[in-house]
């Protein structure tokens, strides 16, 4: 039987509150594999090389969606260098949002996921897998550096990207904090249309807060080789799977179909975005004369002038890109394990 490889990230919020996490996972795994704690990306890369050397065919990610993003990106790079497939990957719950684990039907935390995987191995049973699509985002930084990452969902610009700047200002990150950012942004946008005397009756800085969130991103965007006829984006995002963000925002409905990216590029005023809020929250079609909201195979974005692209991929923030291109990435197999 091939060993199971477990990565635990002590920097994730849930693990910072549990300093004994690594020992807990080692007890759950026993002789069936190895647990490695990784504090930074250099450690993570070394651990994944070790996992390949040991012949692991299942990796368990004990961290949030950001940890999973890096496990996939670095693991894919190593797998391509070695000419071998990427192992099956199990994202556990317990991070800030865990939208990938929820989409794959994983409900338990890492210890219970490990026990379920071991039970399947004891039964000589290889669980069925949920196959998830990824995207590959390649790009070039303003400084000329190359960028190559795998992911499931990316906020590239506009409110989709600036939303995360506000979301991470206060901890914890959960469904309530998502609603808080949305409500403050909407309230500030509406308040900004009222006379100054009225604005002074409300929370100081609310209008400025909304102005920051709703600041557009200037870019040229091509979808499947066709240039969109507008270059100011109130929101710009792409996903390879349909997601539920903290039980609040549902999006990328077209990506529910295998092999389809869902691209959204919206040019609208702040109030136009607010009017679309039910569609944004429910994942229903976004309306407007300057909107692309549909399936795509490839999306290319080039910053205009002094603007830079600062994409958020699966909750991790990146900065300073001049251009990027999103296309289909490899599929990821997630074992169906009953872990609750």
C-alpha atoms as a PDB file:
ATOM      1  CA  UNK A   1       0.000   0.000   0.000  1.00  0.00           C
ATOM      2  CA  UNK A   2       1.270   3.445  -0.856  1.00  0.00           C
ATOM      3  CA  UNK A   3       1.724   5.823   2.089  1.00  0.00           C
ATOM      4  CA  UNK A   4      -0.452   8.889   2.619  1.00  0.00           C
ATOM      5  CA  UNK A   5       1.253  12.282   2.670  1.00  0.00           C
ATOM      6  CA  UNK A   6      -0.184  14.959   4.986  1.00  0.00           C
ATOM      7  CA  UNK A   7       0.806  18.623   4.936  1.00  0.00           C
ATOM      8  CA  UNK A   8      -0.232  20.813   7.854  1.00  0.00           C
ATOM      9  CA  UNK A   9       0.228  24.569   7.758  1.00  0.00           C
ATOM     10  CA  UNK A  10       0.846  25.994  11.258  1.00  0.00           C
ATOM     11  CA  UNK A  11       0.301  29.526   9.912  1.00  0.00           C
ATOM     12  CA  UNK A  12      -3.363  28.932   9.070  1.00  0.00           C
ATOM     13  CA  UNK A  13      -5.808  30.494  11.514  1.00  0.00           C
ATOM     14  CA  UNK A  14      -7.220  27.234  12.846  1.00  0.00           C
ATOM     15  CA  UNK A  15      -3.761  25.734  13.413  1.00  0.00           C
ATOM     16  CA  UNK A  16      -2.349  28.802  15.166  1.00  0.00           C
ATOM     17  CA  UNK A  17      -5.023  28.172  17.776  1.00  0.00           C
ATOM     18  CA  UNK A  18      -3.967  24.514  18.089  1.00  0.00           C
ATOM     19  CA  UNK A  19      -0.197  24.144  18.622  1.00  0.00           C
ATOM     20  CA  UNK A  20      -0.580  20.387  19.035  1.00  0.00           C
ATOM     21  CA  UNK A  21      -2.050  19.954  15.573  1.00  0.00           C
ATOM     22  CA  UNK A  22       0.902  18.086  14.038  1.00  0.00           C
ATOM     23  CA  UNK A  23       0.991  15.513  16.852  1.00  0.00           C
ATOM     24  CA  UNK A  24      -2.783  15.048  16.551  1.00  0.00           C
ATOM     25  CA  UNK A  25      -2.483  14.248  12.851  1.00  0.00           C
ATOM     26  CA  UNK A  26       0.456  11.897  13.450  1.00  0.00           C
ATOM     27  CA  UNK A  27      -1.673   9.942  15.925  1.00  0.00           C
ATOM     28  CA  UNK A  28      -4.509   9.742  13.385  1.00  0.00           C
ATOM     29  CA  UNK A  29      -2.179   8.589  10.590  1.00  0.00           C
ATOM     30  CA  UNK A  30      -0.017   6.163  12.555  1.00  0.00           C
ATOM     31  CA  UNK A  31       2.043   3.859  10.328  1.00  0.00           C
ATOM     32  CA  UNK A  32       0.062   4.645   7.197  1.00  0.00           C
ATOM     33  CA  UNK A  33       2.133   7.584   6.022  1.00  0.00           C
ATOM     34  CA  UNK A  34       3.935  10.776   7.004  1.00  0.00           C
ATOM     35  CA  UNK A  35       2.843  14.145   8.402  1.00  0.00           C
ATOM     36  CA  UNK A  36       4.936  17.205   7.636  1.00  0.00           C
ATOM     37  CA  UNK A  37       4.540  20.701   9.051  1.00  0.00           C
ATOM     38  CA  UNK A  38       5.501  23.439   6.583  1.00  0.00           C
ATOM     39  CA  UNK A  39       6.150  27.024   7.663  1.00  0.00           C
ATOM     40  CA  UNK A  40       6.938  28.519   4.259  1.00  0.00           C
ATOM     41  CA  UNK A  41       6.960  27.736   0.544  1.00  0.00           C
ATOM     42  CA  UNK A  42      10.546  26.447   0.532  1.00  0.00           C
ATOM     43  CA  UNK A  43       9.609  23.862   3.185  1.00  0.00           C
ATOM     44  CA  UNK A  44       6.447  22.938   1.300  1.00  0.00           C
ATOM     45  CA  UNK A  45       8.374  22.310  -1.924  1.00  0.00           C
ATOM     46  CA  UNK A  46      10.907  20.088  -0.116  1.00  0.00           C
ATOM     47  CA  UNK A  47       8.083  18.127   1.512  1.00  0.00           C
ATOM     48  CA  UNK A  48       6.308  17.539  -1.799  1.00  0.00           C
ATOM     49  CA  UNK A  49       9.570  16.271  -3.320  1.00  0.00           C
ATOM     50  CA  UNK A  50       9.783  13.875  -0.352  1.00  0.00           C
ATOM     51  CA  UNK A  51       6.198  12.760  -0.959  1.00  0.00           C
ATOM     52  CA  UNK A  52       7.004  11.938  -4.584  1.00  0.00           C
ATOM     53  CA  UNK A  53      10.137  10.041  -3.495  1.00  0.00           C
ATOM     54  CA  UNK A  54       8.100   8.014  -0.986  1.00  0.00           C
ATOM     55  CA  UNK A  55       5.544   7.054  -3.632  1.00  0.00           C
ATOM     56  CA  UNK A  56       2.556   8.671  -1.932  1.00  0.00           C
ATOM     57  CA  UNK A  57      -0.541   8.630  -4.114  1.00  0.00           C
ATOM     58  CA  UNK A  58      -2.822  10.656  -1.815  1.00  0.00           C
ATOM     59  CA  UNK A  59      -2.010  14.044  -0.281  1.00  0.00           C
ATOM     60  CA  UNK A  60      -4.085  15.553   2.525  1.00  0.00           C
ATOM     61  CA  UNK A  61      -3.993  19.338   2.837  1.00  0.00           C
ATOM     62  CA  UNK A  62      -4.511  20.571   6.403  1.00  0.00           C
ATOM     63  CA  UNK A  63      -4.800  24.281   5.781  1.00  0.00           C
ATOM     64  CA  UNK A  64      -7.056  26.686   3.955  1.00  0.00           C
ATOM     65  CA  UNK A  65      -7.701  27.191   0.258  1.00  0.00           C
ATOM     66  CA  UNK A  66      -4.447  29.169  -0.019  1.00  0.00           C
ATOM     67  CA  UNK A  67      -2.396  26.216   1.249  1.00  0.00           C
ATOM     68  CA  UNK A  68      -4.195  23.969  -1.235  1.00  0.00           C
ATOM     69  CA  UNK A  69      -3.396  26.449  -4.015  1.00  0.00           C
ATOM     70  CA  UNK A  70       0.329  26.263  -3.286  1.00  0.00           C
ATOM     71  CA  UNK A  71       0.258  22.470  -2.898  1.00  0.00           C
ATOM     72  CA  UNK A  72      -1.285  22.202  -6.360  1.00  0.00           C
ATOM     73  CA  UNK A  73       0.989  24.777  -7.990  1.00  0.00           C
ATOM     74  CA  UNK A  74       4.244  23.382  -6.597  1.00  0.00           C
ATOM     75  CA  UNK A  75       3.100  19.758  -6.901  1.00  0.00           C
ATOM     76  CA  UNK A  76       2.172  20.241 -10.549  1.00  0.00           C
ATOM     77  CA  UNK A  77       5.554  21.823 -11.259  1.00  0.00           C
ATOM     78  CA  UNK A  78       7.412  18.873  -9.698  1.00  0.00           C
ATOM     79  CA  UNK A  79       5.146  16.309 -11.407  1.00  0.00           C
ATOM     80  CA  UNK A  80       5.794  17.847 -14.827  1.00  0.00           C
ATOM     81  CA  UNK A  81       9.559  17.892 -14.204  1.00  0.00           C
ATOM     82  CA  UNK A  82       9.438  14.181 -13.314  1.00  0.00           C
ATOM     83  CA  UNK A  83       6.965  13.216 -16.005  1.00  0.00           C
ATOM     84  CA  UNK A  84       4.555  11.661 -13.501  1.00  0.00           C
ATOM     85  CA  UNK A  85       0.885  12.367 -12.651  1.00  0.00           C
ATOM     86  CA  UNK A  86      -0.160  14.539  -9.760  1.00  0.00           C
ATOM     87  CA  UNK A  87      -1.397  12.413  -6.811  1.00  0.00           C
ATOM     88  CA  UNK A  88      -4.973  12.499  -5.607  1.00  0.00           C
ATOM     89  CA  UNK A  89      -5.462  15.448  -3.267  1.00  0.00           C
ATOM     90  CA  UNK A  90      -7.887  15.794  -0.333  1.00  0.00           C
ATOM     91  CA  UNK A  91      -8.612  19.334   0.927  1.00  0.00           C
ATOM     92  CA  UNK A  92      -9.737  19.156   4.561  1.00  0.00           C
ATOM     93  CA  UNK A  93     -12.089  21.601   6.259  1.00  0.00           C
ATOM     94  CA  UNK A  94     -11.217  23.971   9.052  1.00  0.00           C
ATOM     95  CA  UNK A  95      -9.753  26.919   7.127  1.00  0.00           C
ATOM     96  CA  UNK A  96     -11.346  30.327   6.627  1.00  0.00           C
ATOM     97  CA  UNK A  97     -13.673  29.434   3.751  1.00  0.00           C
ATOM     98  CA  UNK A  98     -12.758  25.964   2.375  1.00  0.00           C
ATOM     99  CA  UNK A  99     -14.825  26.385  -0.810  1.00  0.00           C
ATOM    100  CA  UNK A 100     -12.854  23.674  -2.632  1.00  0.00           C
ATOM    101  CA  UNK A 101     -13.462  21.079   0.107  1.00  0.00           C
ATOM    102  CA  UNK A 102     -17.172  21.930   0.124  1.00  0.00           C
ATOM    103  CA  UNK A 103     -17.366  21.667  -3.671  1.00  0.00           C
ATOM    104  CA  UNK A 104     -15.724  18.221  -3.486  1.00  0.00           C
ATOM    105  CA  UNK A 105     -18.144  17.062  -0.787  1.00  0.00           C
ATOM    106  CA  UNK A 106     -15.502  16.877   1.986  1.00  0.00           C
ATOM    107  CA  UNK A 107     -17.039  17.850   5.302  1.00  0.00           C
ATOM    108  CA  UNK A 108     -14.644  16.625   7.988  1.00  0.00           C
ATOM    109  CA  UNK A 109     -11.386  18.073   9.284  1.00  0.00           C
ATOM    110  CA  UNK A 110      -8.016  16.527   8.457  1.00  0.00           C
ATOM    111  CA  UNK A 111      -7.911  13.945  11.285  1.00  0.00           C
ATOM    112  CA  UNK A 112     -11.279  12.463  10.321  1.00  0.00           C
ATOM    113  CA  UNK A 113     -10.368  12.566   6.617  1.00  0.00           C
ATOM    114  CA  UNK A 114      -7.159  10.642   7.383  1.00  0.00           C
ATOM    115  CA  UNK A 115      -9.050   7.989   9.367  1.00  0.00           C
ATOM    116  CA  UNK A 116     -11.530   7.554   6.511  1.00  0.00           C
ATOM    117  CA  UNK A 117      -8.687   7.133   3.999  1.00  0.00           C
ATOM    118  CA  UNK A 118      -7.006   4.546   6.223  1.00  0.00           C
ATOM    119  CA  UNK A 119     -10.281   2.652   6.645  1.00  0.00           C
ATOM    120  CA  UNK A 120     -10.630   2.521   2.855  1.00  0.00           C
ATOM    121  CA  UNK A 121      -7.060   1.177   2.514  1.00  0.00           C
ATOM    122  CA  UNK A 122      -7.705  -1.491   5.169  1.00  0.00           C
ATOM    123  CA  UNK A 123     -10.737  -2.607   3.158  1.00  0.00           C
ATOM    124  CA  UNK A 124      -8.523  -2.630   0.039  1.00  0.00           C
ATOM    125  CA  UNK A 125     -11.022  -0.149  -1.312  1.00  0.00           C
ATOM    126  CA  UNK A 126     -10.016   2.707  -3.604  1.00  0.00           C
ATOM    127  CA  UNK A 127     -12.728   5.352  -3.143  1.00  0.00           C
ATOM    128  CA  UNK A 128     -14.389   6.920  -6.139  1.00  0.00           C
ATOM    129  CA  UNK A 129     -13.080  10.381  -6.880  1.00  0.00           C
ATOM    130  CA  UNK A 130     -14.676  13.738  -7.534  1.00  0.00           C
ATOM    131  CA  UNK A 131     -12.824  15.232 -10.507  1.00  0.00           C
ATOM    132  CA  UNK A 132     -12.334  18.989 -10.273  1.00  0.00           C
ATOM    133  CA  UNK A 133     -11.113  21.232 -13.073  1.00  0.00           C
ATOM    134  CA  UNK A 134      -8.367  23.759 -12.415  1.00  0.00           C
ATOM    135  CA  UNK A 135      -7.185  26.749 -14.425  1.00  0.00           C
ATOM    136  CA  UNK A 136      -3.623  27.678 -15.238  1.00  0.00           C
ATOM    137  CA  UNK A 137      -2.777  31.369 -14.899  1.00  0.00           C
ATOM    138  CA  UNK A 138       0.386  32.421 -16.656  1.00  0.00           C
ATOM    139  CA  UNK A 139       1.622  35.974 -16.732  1.00  0.00           C
ATOM    140  CA  UNK A 140       4.447  38.474 -16.608  1.00  0.00           C
ATOM    141  CA  UNK A 141       5.203  40.889 -13.791  1.00  0.00           C
ATOM    142  CA  UNK A 142       5.894  44.560 -14.277  1.00  0.00           C
ATOM    143  CA  UNK A 143       9.510  43.659 -13.487  1.00  0.00           C
ATOM    144  CA  UNK A 144       9.576  40.961 -16.181  1.00  0.00           C
ATOM    145  CA  UNK A 145       9.336  37.954 -13.839  1.00  0.00           C
ATOM    146  CA  UNK A 146       7.330  34.950 -15.001  1.00  0.00           C
ATOM    147  CA  UNK A 147       4.138  33.875 -13.210  1.00  0.00           C
ATOM    148  CA  UNK A 148       2.650  30.366 -13.459  1.00  0.00           C
ATOM    149  CA  UNK A 149       0.012  29.125 -11.001  1.00  0.00           C
ATOM    150  CA  UNK A 150      -2.856  26.662 -10.795  1.00  0.00           C
ATOM    151  CA  UNK A 151      -6.126  27.568  -9.141  1.00  0.00           C
ATOM    152  CA  UNK A 152      -9.879  27.184  -8.955  1.00  0.00           C
ATOM    153  CA  UNK A 153     -11.132  30.768  -8.600  1.00  0.00           C
ATOM    154  CA  UNK A 154      -9.489  34.131  -9.187  1.00  0.00           C
ATOM    155  CA  UNK A 155     -10.558  37.709  -8.519  1.00  0.00           C
ATOM    156  CA  UNK A 156      -8.454  39.596 -11.054  1.00  0.00           C
ATOM    157  CA  UNK A 157      -9.672  43.173 -10.701  1.00  0.00           C
ATOM    158  CA  UNK A 158     -12.324  45.633  -9.597  1.00  0.00           C
ATOM    159  CA  UNK A 159     -14.592  44.909  -6.655  1.00  0.00           C
ATOM    160  CA  UNK A 160     -13.901  41.156  -6.882  1.00  0.00           C
ATOM    161  CA  UNK A 161     -10.206  41.766  -6.139  1.00  0.00           C
ATOM    162  CA  UNK A 162     -10.524  44.777  -3.807  1.00  0.00           C
ATOM    163  CA  UNK A 163     -13.117  42.908  -1.747  1.00  0.00           C
ATOM    164  CA  UNK A 164     -10.338  40.646  -0.433  1.00  0.00           C
ATOM    165  CA  UNK A 165      -8.236  43.623   0.701  1.00  0.00           C
ATOM    166  CA  UNK A 166     -11.092  44.596   3.005  1.00  0.00           C
ATOM    167  CA  UNK A 167     -11.997  41.035   3.951  1.00  0.00           C
ATOM    168  CA  UNK A 168      -8.515  40.353   5.337  1.00  0.00           C
ATOM    169  CA  UNK A 169      -8.386  43.536   7.416  1.00  0.00           C
ATOM    170  CA  UNK A 170     -10.152  41.809  10.318  1.00  0.00           C
ATOM    171  CA  UNK A 171     -10.118  38.242  11.582  1.00  0.00           C
ATOM    172  CA  UNK A 172     -11.636  35.723  11.514  1.00  0.00           C
ATOM    173  CA  UNK A 173     -12.577  35.418   7.860  1.00  0.00           C
ATOM    174  CA  UNK A 174     -15.995  33.771   7.688  1.00  0.00           C
ATOM    175  CA  UNK A 175     -19.493  34.211   6.296  1.00  0.00           C
ATOM    176  CA  UNK A 176     -20.219  37.074   8.689  1.00  0.00           C
ATOM    177  CA  UNK A 177     -17.120  39.013   7.633  1.00  0.00           C
ATOM    178  CA  UNK A 178     -18.080  38.545   3.961  1.00  0.00           C
ATOM    179  CA  UNK A 179     -21.488  40.054   4.681  1.00  0.00           C
ATOM    180  CA  UNK A 180     -19.824  42.876   6.603  1.00  0.00           C
ATOM    181  CA  UNK A 181     -17.680  43.912   3.636  1.00  0.00           C
ATOM    182  CA  UNK A 182     -20.635  43.673   1.238  1.00  0.00           C
ATOM    183  CA  UNK A 183     -22.977  45.676   3.490  1.00  0.00           C
ATOM    184  CA  UNK A 184     -20.416  48.425   4.189  1.00  0.00           C
ATOM    185  CA  UNK A 185     -19.576  48.691   0.481  1.00  0.00           C
ATOM    186  CA  UNK A 186     -23.224  48.910  -0.569  1.00  0.00           C
ATOM    187  CA  UNK A 187     -24.093  51.378   2.196  1.00  0.00           C
ATOM    188  CA  UNK A 188     -21.131  53.593   1.342  1.00  0.00           C
ATOM    189  CA  UNK A 189     -21.969  53.582  -2.370  1.00  0.00           C
ATOM    190  CA  UNK A 190     -25.566  54.606  -1.676  1.00  0.00           C
ATOM    191  CA  UNK A 191     -24.494  57.212   0.882  1.00  0.00           C
ATOM    192  CA  UNK A 192     -22.074  58.736  -1.607  1.00  0.00           C
ATOM    193  CA  UNK A 193     -25.068  59.837  -3.696  1.00  0.00           C
ATOM    194  CA  UNK A 194     -26.535  61.905  -0.843  1.00  0.00           C
ATOM    195  CA  UNK A 195     -25.731  65.499   0.215  1.00  0.00           C
ATOM    196  CA  UNK A 196     -22.705  66.048   2.458  1.00  0.00           C
ATOM    197  CA  UNK A 197     -24.965  66.996   5.376  1.00  0.00           C
ATOM    198  CA  UNK A 198     -26.624  63.575   5.215  1.00  0.00           C
ATOM    199  CA  UNK A 199     -23.281  61.761   4.965  1.00  0.00           C
ATOM    200  CA  UNK A 200     -22.128  63.394   8.202  1.00  0.00           C
ATOM    201  CA  UNK A 201     -24.917  61.597  10.070  1.00  0.00           C
ATOM    202  CA  UNK A 202     -23.429  58.187   9.322  1.00  0.00           C
ATOM    203  CA  UNK A 203     -20.233  56.301  10.123  1.00  0.00           C
ATOM    204  CA  UNK A 204     -17.135  58.327   9.330  1.00  0.00           C
ATOM    205  CA  UNK A 205     -15.180  56.935   6.377  1.00  0.00           C
ATOM    206  CA  UNK A 206     -18.019  54.823   4.971  1.00  0.00           C
ATOM    207  CA  UNK A 207     -18.038  56.638   1.618  1.00  0.00           C
ATOM    208  CA  UNK A 208     -14.244  56.388   1.326  1.00  0.00           C
ATOM    209  CA  UNK A 209     -14.506  52.672   2.144  1.00  0.00           C
ATOM    210  CA  UNK A 210     -16.926  52.162  -0.752  1.00  0.00           C
ATOM    211  CA  UNK A 211     -14.812  54.302  -3.098  1.00  0.00           C
ATOM    212  CA  UNK A 212     -11.827  52.024  -2.436  1.00  0.00           C
ATOM    213  CA  UNK A 213     -13.841  48.828  -2.998  1.00  0.00           C
ATOM    214  CA  UNK A 214     -15.556  50.081  -6.157  1.00  0.00           C
ATOM    215  CA  UNK A 215     -12.459  51.616  -7.781  1.00  0.00           C
ATOM    216  CA  UNK A 216     -12.336  50.132 -11.315  1.00  0.00           C
ATOM    217  CA  UNK A 217      -9.423  48.248 -12.843  1.00  0.00           C
ATOM    218  CA  UNK A 218      -8.189  49.549 -16.192  1.00  0.00           C
ATOM    219  CA  UNK A 219      -7.250  46.741 -18.563  1.00  0.00           C
ATOM    220  CA  UNK A 220      -7.665  45.270 -22.013  1.00  0.00           C
ATOM    221  CA  UNK A 221      -9.485  41.931 -21.837  1.00  0.00           C
ATOM    222  CA  UNK A 222      -9.716  39.275 -24.532  1.00  0.00           C
ATOM    223  CA  UNK A 223     -12.063  36.309 -24.146  1.00  0.00           C
ATOM    224  CA  UNK A 224     -11.385  33.450 -26.566  1.00  0.00           C
ATOM    225  CA  UNK A 225      -9.389  35.795 -28.787  1.00  0.00           C
ATOM    226  CA  UNK A 226     -12.033  38.529 -28.969  1.00  0.00           C
ATOM    227  CA  UNK A 227     -11.288  41.917 -27.394  1.00  0.00           C
ATOM    228  CA  UNK A 228     -14.045  43.265 -25.162  1.00  0.00           C
ATOM    229  CA  UNK A 229     -15.210  46.726 -26.229  1.00  0.00           C
ATOM    230  CA  UNK A 230     -14.566  48.350 -22.833  1.00  0.00           C
ATOM    231  CA  UNK A 231     -11.454  48.766 -20.680  1.00  0.00           C
ATOM    232  CA  UNK A 232     -12.764  49.886 -17.277  1.00  0.00           C
ATOM    233  CA  UNK A 233     -13.859  46.999 -15.072  1.00  0.00           C
ATOM    234  CA  UNK A 234     -15.969  47.250 -11.958  1.00  0.00           C
ATOM    235  CA  UNK A 235     -15.338  43.524 -11.513  1.00  0.00           C
ATOM    236  CA  UNK A 236     -13.185  40.959 -13.283  1.00  0.00           C
ATOM    237  CA  UNK A 237     -12.978  37.292 -12.271  1.00  0.00           C
ATOM    238  CA  UNK A 238     -12.708  33.725 -13.541  1.00  0.00           C
ATOM    239  CA  UNK A 239     -13.345  30.263 -12.115  1.00  0.00           C
ATOM    240  CA  UNK A 240     -12.838  26.630 -13.113  1.00  0.00           C
ATOM    241  CA  UNK A 241     -15.464  25.293 -10.663  1.00  0.00           C
ATOM    242  CA  UNK A 242     -18.725  26.698  -9.358  1.00  0.00           C
ATOM    243  CA  UNK A 243     -18.153  27.933  -5.814  1.00  0.00           C
ATOM    244  CA  UNK A 244     -20.000  28.870  -2.664  1.00  0.00           C
ATOM    245  CA  UNK A 245     -18.003  31.481  -0.770  1.00  0.00           C
ATOM    246  CA  UNK A 246     -18.721  31.176   2.936  1.00  0.00           C
ATOM    247  CA  UNK A 247     -22.372  30.327   2.325  1.00  0.00           C
ATOM    248  CA  UNK A 248     -22.885  33.906   1.100  1.00  0.00           C
ATOM    249  CA  UNK A 249     -21.726  34.347  -2.514  1.00  0.00           C
ATOM    250  CA  UNK A 250     -22.359  31.748  -5.221  1.00  0.00           C
ATOM    251  CA  UNK A 251     -20.689  32.202  -8.553  1.00  0.00           C
ATOM    252  CA  UNK A 252     -19.191  30.619 -11.690  1.00  0.00           C
ATOM    253  CA  UNK A 253     -22.330  28.595 -12.490  1.00  0.00           C
ATOM    254  CA  UNK A 254     -21.067  27.761 -16.012  1.00  0.00           C
ATOM    255  CA  UNK A 255     -17.987  26.098 -14.493  1.00  0.00           C
ATOM    256  CA  UNK A 256     -20.230  23.403 -13.014  1.00  0.00           C
ATOM    257  CA  UNK A 257     -19.924  21.718 -16.427  1.00  0.00           C
ATOM    258  CA  UNK A 258     -16.660  19.772 -16.880  1.00  0.00           C
ATOM    259  CA  UNK A 259     -13.931  21.506 -18.859  1.00  0.00           C
ATOM    260  CA  UNK A 260     -15.528  24.969 -18.830  1.00  0.00           C
ATOM    261  CA  UNK A 261     -14.100  28.180 -17.410  1.00  0.00           C
ATOM    262  CA  UNK A 262     -16.575  30.862 -16.360  1.00  0.00           C
ATOM    263  CA  UNK A 263     -15.340  34.402 -17.049  1.00  0.00           C
ATOM    264  CA  UNK A 264     -17.024  37.537 -15.744  1.00  0.00           C
ATOM    265  CA  UNK A 265     -16.035  41.036 -16.892  1.00  0.00           C
ATOM    266  CA  UNK A 266     -18.305  43.853 -15.758  1.00  0.00           C
ATOM    267  CA  UNK A 267     -18.125  47.542 -16.631  1.00  0.00           C
ATOM    268  CA  UNK A 268     -20.630  49.465 -14.508  1.00  0.00           C
ATOM    269  CA  UNK A 269     -20.989  52.292 -12.009  1.00  0.00           C
ATOM    270  CA  UNK A 270     -20.978  51.409  -8.297  1.00  0.00           C
ATOM    271  CA  UNK A 271     -24.773  51.672  -8.259  1.00  0.00           C
ATOM    272  CA  UNK A 272     -24.921  49.421 -11.318  1.00  0.00           C
ATOM    273  CA  UNK A 273     -22.967  46.812  -9.362  1.00  0.00           C
ATOM    274  CA  UNK A 274     -25.253  47.300  -6.343  1.00  0.00           C
ATOM    275  CA  UNK A 275     -28.304  46.785  -8.571  1.00  0.00           C
ATOM    276  CA  UNK A 276     -26.753  43.476  -9.655  1.00  0.00           C
ATOM    277  CA  UNK A 277     -26.075  42.398  -6.074  1.00  0.00           C
ATOM    278  CA  UNK A 278     -28.826  39.719  -6.010  1.00  0.00           C
ATOM    279  CA  UNK A 279     -27.338  38.181  -9.172  1.00  0.00           C
ATOM    280  CA  UNK A 280     -23.817  38.349  -7.728  1.00  0.00           C
ATOM    281  CA  UNK A 281     -24.905  36.689  -4.474  1.00  0.00           C
ATOM    282  CA  UNK A 282     -27.158  34.056  -6.053  1.00  0.00           C
ATOM    283  CA  UNK A 283     -24.940  33.299  -9.041  1.00  0.00           C
ATOM    284  CA  UNK A 284     -27.644  34.213 -11.562  1.00  0.00           C
ATOM    285  CA  UNK A 285     -26.847  36.019 -14.866  1.00  0.00           C
ATOM    286  CA  UNK A 286     -25.436  39.518 -14.459  1.00  0.00           C
ATOM    287  CA  UNK A 287     -27.166  42.104 -16.631  1.00  0.00           C
ATOM    288  CA  UNK A 288     -25.845  45.249 -18.280  1.00  0.00           C
ATOM    289  CA  UNK A 289     -24.800  46.630 -21.659  1.00  0.00           C
ATOM    290  CA  UNK A 290     -21.091  46.230 -20.869  1.00  0.00           C
ATOM    291  CA  UNK A 291     -20.967  42.766 -19.352  1.00  0.00           C
ATOM    292  CA  UNK A 292     -19.402  39.471 -20.301  1.00  0.00           C
ATOM    293  CA  UNK A 293     -20.758  36.680 -18.118  1.00  0.00           C
ATOM    294  CA  UNK A 294     -20.348  33.290 -19.692  1.00  0.00           C
ATOM    295  CA  UNK A 295     -18.283  30.204 -20.528  1.00  0.00           C
ATOM    296  CA  UNK A 296     -14.792  30.621 -21.916  1.00  0.00           C
ATOM    297  CA  UNK A 297     -11.756  28.577 -22.899  1.00  0.00           C
ATOM    298  CA  UNK A 298      -9.185  31.340 -22.514  1.00  0.00           C
ATOM    299  CA  UNK A 299      -9.058  34.804 -20.967  1.00  0.00           C
ATOM    300  CA  UNK A 300      -6.238  37.299 -21.466  1.00  0.00           C
ATOM    301  CA  UNK A 301      -5.882  40.486 -19.397  1.00  0.00           C
ATOM    302  CA  UNK A 302      -3.359  43.278 -20.001  1.00  0.00           C
ATOM    303  CA  UNK A 303      -2.962  46.208 -17.621  1.00  0.00           C
ATOM    304  CA  UNK A 304      -3.426  49.702 -19.094  1.00  0.00           C
ATOM    305  CA  UNK A 305      -0.922  52.488 -18.410  1.00  0.00           C
ATOM    306  CA  UNK A 306       0.448  52.535 -14.870  1.00  0.00           C
ATOM    307  CA  UNK A 307      -2.163  50.048 -13.669  1.00  0.00           C
ATOM    308  CA  UNK A 308      -0.970  46.694 -12.349  1.00  0.00           C
ATOM    309  CA  UNK A 309      -2.903  43.461 -12.033  1.00  0.00           C
ATOM    310  CA  UNK A 310      -3.102  42.113  -8.476  1.00  0.00           C
ATOM    311  CA  UNK A 311      -5.018  38.836  -8.755  1.00  0.00           C
ATOM    312  CA  UNK A 312      -6.345  36.855  -5.808  1.00  0.00           C
ATOM    313  CA  UNK A 313      -6.141  33.097  -6.466  1.00  0.00           C
ATOM    314  CA  UNK A 314      -8.069  30.850  -4.077  1.00  0.00           C
ATOM    315  CA  UNK A 315      -7.748  33.496  -1.367  1.00  0.00           C
ATOM    316  CA  UNK A 316      -4.010  34.169  -1.857  1.00  0.00           C
ATOM    317  CA  UNK A 317      -3.047  37.662  -3.029  1.00  0.00           C
ATOM    318  CA  UNK A 318      -0.457  38.415  -5.727  1.00  0.00           C
ATOM    319  CA  UNK A 319       0.770  41.790  -6.940  1.00  0.00           C
ATOM    320  CA  UNK A 320       2.416  43.608  -9.790  1.00  0.00           C
ATOM    321  CA  UNK A 321       1.502  41.722 -12.967  1.00  0.00           C
ATOM    322  CA  UNK A 322       1.545  43.490 -16.323  1.00  0.00           C
ATOM    323  CA  UNK A 323      -0.407  40.775 -18.130  1.00  0.00           C
ATOM    324  CA  UNK A 324      -1.909  37.363 -17.515  1.00  0.00           C
ATOM    325  CA  UNK A 325      -3.630  34.594 -19.410  1.00  0.00           C
ATOM    326  CA  UNK A 326      -6.018  32.029 -17.935  1.00  0.00           C
ATOM    327  CA  UNK A 327      -6.661  28.681 -19.613  1.00  0.00           C
ATOM    328  CA  UNK A 328      -7.680  25.183 -18.568  1.00  0.00           C
ATOM    329  CA  UNK A 329      -5.335  23.430 -16.168  1.00  0.00           C
ATOM    330  CA  UNK A 330      -5.049  19.758 -15.198  1.00  0.00           C
ATOM    331  CA  UNK A 331      -7.908  17.956 -13.513  1.00  0.00           C
ATOM    332  CA  UNK A 332      -7.565  17.051  -9.843  1.00  0.00           C
ATOM    333  CA  UNK A 333      -9.012  13.837  -8.399  1.00  0.00           C
ATOM    334  CA  UNK A 334     -10.400  14.150  -4.860  1.00  0.00           C
ATOM    335  CA  UNK A 335     -11.277  10.819  -3.212  1.00  0.00           C
ATOM    336  CA  UNK A 336     -14.859  10.557  -1.969  1.00  0.00           C
ATOM    337  CA  UNK A 337     -14.343   9.789   1.714  1.00  0.00           C
ATOM    338  CA  UNK A 338     -17.049   9.679   4.382  1.00  0.00           C
ATOM    339  CA  UNK A 339     -15.273  11.617   7.113  1.00  0.00           C
ATOM    340  CA  UNK A 340     -18.033  12.838   9.419  1.00  0.00           C
END
